[in-house]
């Protein structure tokens, strides 16, 4: 007999950053409202922590993609951080 997955058991695989952030925001609103029972609040907190870490990793990965590798004249490569002000 298969049991339903708890929120903390739901995989983050396949979630986009935007989906994860939306779910995290919903959890924060729910926890701030204090409407859930203790067990549900604990599960929501754990899921929120997973989503926060997932979003932070996605942002870090995006930053690495934005950093560009530029070839300099002697053929060596150097890493140039993205400068949004340029």
C-alpha atoms as a PDB file:
ATOM      1  CA  UNK A   1       0.000   0.000   0.000  1.00  0.00           C
ATOM      2  CA  UNK A   2       1.510   3.308  -1.107  1.00  0.00           C
ATOM      3  CA  UNK A   3       1.185   6.285   1.201  1.00  0.00           C
ATOM      4  CA  UNK A   4       0.944   9.898   0.109  1.00  0.00           C
ATOM      5  CA  UNK A   5       4.207  11.791   0.188  1.00  0.00           C
ATOM      6  CA  UNK A   6       4.656  14.389   2.876  1.00  0.00           C
ATOM      7  CA  UNK A   7       5.733  17.843   1.668  1.00  0.00           C
ATOM      8  CA  UNK A   8       9.277  17.163   2.891  1.00  0.00           C
ATOM      9  CA  UNK A   9       9.471  14.019   0.740  1.00  0.00           C
ATOM     10  CA  UNK A  10       8.508  15.755  -2.497  1.00  0.00           C
ATOM     11  CA  UNK A  11      11.439  15.934  -4.867  1.00  0.00           C
ATOM     12  CA  UNK A  12      12.882  19.251  -5.924  1.00  0.00           C
ATOM     13  CA  UNK A  13      14.017  17.670  -9.179  1.00  0.00           C
ATOM     14  CA  UNK A  14      12.365  19.263 -12.149  1.00  0.00           C
ATOM     15  CA  UNK A  15      11.336  22.422 -10.296  1.00  0.00           C
ATOM     16  CA  UNK A  16      12.283  25.708 -11.845  1.00  0.00           C
ATOM     17  CA  UNK A  17      13.632  28.528  -9.714  1.00  0.00           C
ATOM     18  CA  UNK A  18      10.339  30.382 -10.140  1.00  0.00           C
ATOM     19  CA  UNK A  19       8.245  27.381  -9.065  1.00  0.00           C
ATOM     20  CA  UNK A  20      10.421  26.785  -6.004  1.00  0.00           C
ATOM     21  CA  UNK A  21      10.309  30.452  -5.030  1.00  0.00           C
ATOM     22  CA  UNK A  22       6.517  30.565  -5.396  1.00  0.00           C
ATOM     23  CA  UNK A  23       6.137  27.474  -3.206  1.00  0.00           C
ATOM     24  CA  UNK A  24       8.566  28.926  -0.649  1.00  0.00           C
ATOM     25  CA  UNK A  25       6.607  32.192  -0.520  1.00  0.00           C
ATOM     26  CA  UNK A  26       3.369  30.262   0.058  1.00  0.00           C
ATOM     27  CA  UNK A  27       4.972  28.330   2.910  1.00  0.00           C
ATOM     28  CA  UNK A  28       6.263  31.525   4.505  1.00  0.00           C
ATOM     29  CA  UNK A  29       2.786  33.116   4.346  1.00  0.00           C
ATOM     30  CA  UNK A  30       1.245  29.973   5.852  1.00  0.00           C
ATOM     31  CA  UNK A  31       3.791  29.807   8.679  1.00  0.00           C
ATOM     32  CA  UNK A  32       3.472  33.529   9.397  1.00  0.00           C
ATOM     33  CA  UNK A  33      -0.299  33.107   9.588  1.00  0.00           C
ATOM     34  CA  UNK A  34       0.068  30.393  12.203  1.00  0.00           C
ATOM     35  CA  UNK A  35      -2.933  28.507  10.826  1.00  0.00           C
ATOM     36  CA  UNK A  36      -1.438  24.998  10.701  1.00  0.00           C
ATOM     37  CA  UNK A  37      -1.048  22.428  13.432  1.00  0.00           C
ATOM     38  CA  UNK A  38       2.383  21.751  14.916  1.00  0.00           C
ATOM     39  CA  UNK A  39       3.235  18.693  12.789  1.00  0.00           C
ATOM     40  CA  UNK A  40       2.187  20.406   9.558  1.00  0.00           C
ATOM     41  CA  UNK A  41       4.169  23.516  10.535  1.00  0.00           C
ATOM     42  CA  UNK A  42       7.280  21.426  11.160  1.00  0.00           C
ATOM     43  CA  UNK A  43       6.872  19.711   7.768  1.00  0.00           C
ATOM     44  CA  UNK A  44       6.352  23.094   6.104  1.00  0.00           C
ATOM     45  CA  UNK A  45       9.448  24.486   7.823  1.00  0.00           C
ATOM     46  CA  UNK A  46      11.570  21.548   6.624  1.00  0.00           C
ATOM     47  CA  UNK A  47      10.217  21.889   3.076  1.00  0.00           C
ATOM     48  CA  UNK A  48      10.817  25.647   3.194  1.00  0.00           C
ATOM     49  CA  UNK A  49      14.416  25.061   4.222  1.00  0.00           C
ATOM     50  CA  UNK A  50      14.893  22.661   1.309  1.00  0.00           C
ATOM     51  CA  UNK A  51      13.356  25.168  -1.094  1.00  0.00           C
ATOM     52  CA  UNK A  52      15.535  27.993   0.256  1.00  0.00           C
ATOM     53  CA  UNK A  53      18.695  25.939  -0.271  1.00  0.00           C
ATOM     54  CA  UNK A  54      17.495  24.922  -3.747  1.00  0.00           C
ATOM     55  CA  UNK A  55      16.864  28.559  -4.704  1.00  0.00           C
ATOM     56  CA  UNK A  56      20.244  29.659  -3.332  1.00  0.00           C
ATOM     57  CA  UNK A  57      21.975  26.964  -5.406  1.00  0.00           C
ATOM     58  CA  UNK A  58      20.054  27.974  -8.542  1.00  0.00           C
ATOM     59  CA  UNK A  59      21.090  31.610  -7.992  1.00  0.00           C
ATOM     60  CA  UNK A  60      24.730  30.612  -7.453  1.00  0.00           C
ATOM     61  CA  UNK A  61      24.641  28.503 -10.625  1.00  0.00           C
ATOM     62  CA  UNK A  62      23.125  31.405 -12.554  1.00  0.00           C
ATOM     63  CA  UNK A  63      25.863  33.711 -11.325  1.00  0.00           C
ATOM     64  CA  UNK A  64      28.504  31.292 -12.561  1.00  0.00           C
ATOM     65  CA  UNK A  65      26.821  31.231 -15.963  1.00  0.00           C
ATOM     66  CA  UNK A  66      26.812  35.017 -16.074  1.00  0.00           C
ATOM     67  CA  UNK A  67      30.536  35.138 -15.340  1.00  0.00           C
ATOM     68  CA  UNK A  68      32.202  34.968 -18.699  1.00  0.00           C
ATOM     69  CA  UNK A  69      35.484  33.502 -19.783  1.00  0.00           C
ATOM     70  CA  UNK A  70      37.406  35.923 -21.936  1.00  0.00           C
ATOM     71  CA  UNK A  71      40.456  35.007 -23.929  1.00  0.00           C
ATOM     72  CA  UNK A  72      43.275  37.432 -23.609  1.00  0.00           C
ATOM     73  CA  UNK A  73      45.855  38.061 -26.354  1.00  0.00           C
ATOM     74  CA  UNK A  74      48.416  35.488 -25.233  1.00  0.00           C
ATOM     75  CA  UNK A  75      45.829  32.679 -25.439  1.00  0.00           C
ATOM     76  CA  UNK A  76      45.266  32.272 -21.716  1.00  0.00           C
ATOM     77  CA  UNK A  77      41.768  32.484 -20.372  1.00  0.00           C
ATOM     78  CA  UNK A  78      40.673  34.652 -17.510  1.00  0.00           C
ATOM     79  CA  UNK A  79      37.436  34.758 -15.602  1.00  0.00           C
ATOM     80  CA  UNK A  80      35.690  38.093 -15.664  1.00  0.00           C
ATOM     81  CA  UNK A  81      32.811  38.579 -13.220  1.00  0.00           C
ATOM     82  CA  UNK A  82      29.632  40.017 -14.655  1.00  0.00           C
ATOM     83  CA  UNK A  83      29.358  43.766 -14.061  1.00  0.00           C
ATOM     84  CA  UNK A  84      25.732  44.899 -14.277  1.00  0.00           C
ATOM     85  CA  UNK A  85      26.814  48.555 -14.295  1.00  0.00           C
ATOM     86  CA  UNK A  86      28.594  48.318 -17.659  1.00  0.00           C
END
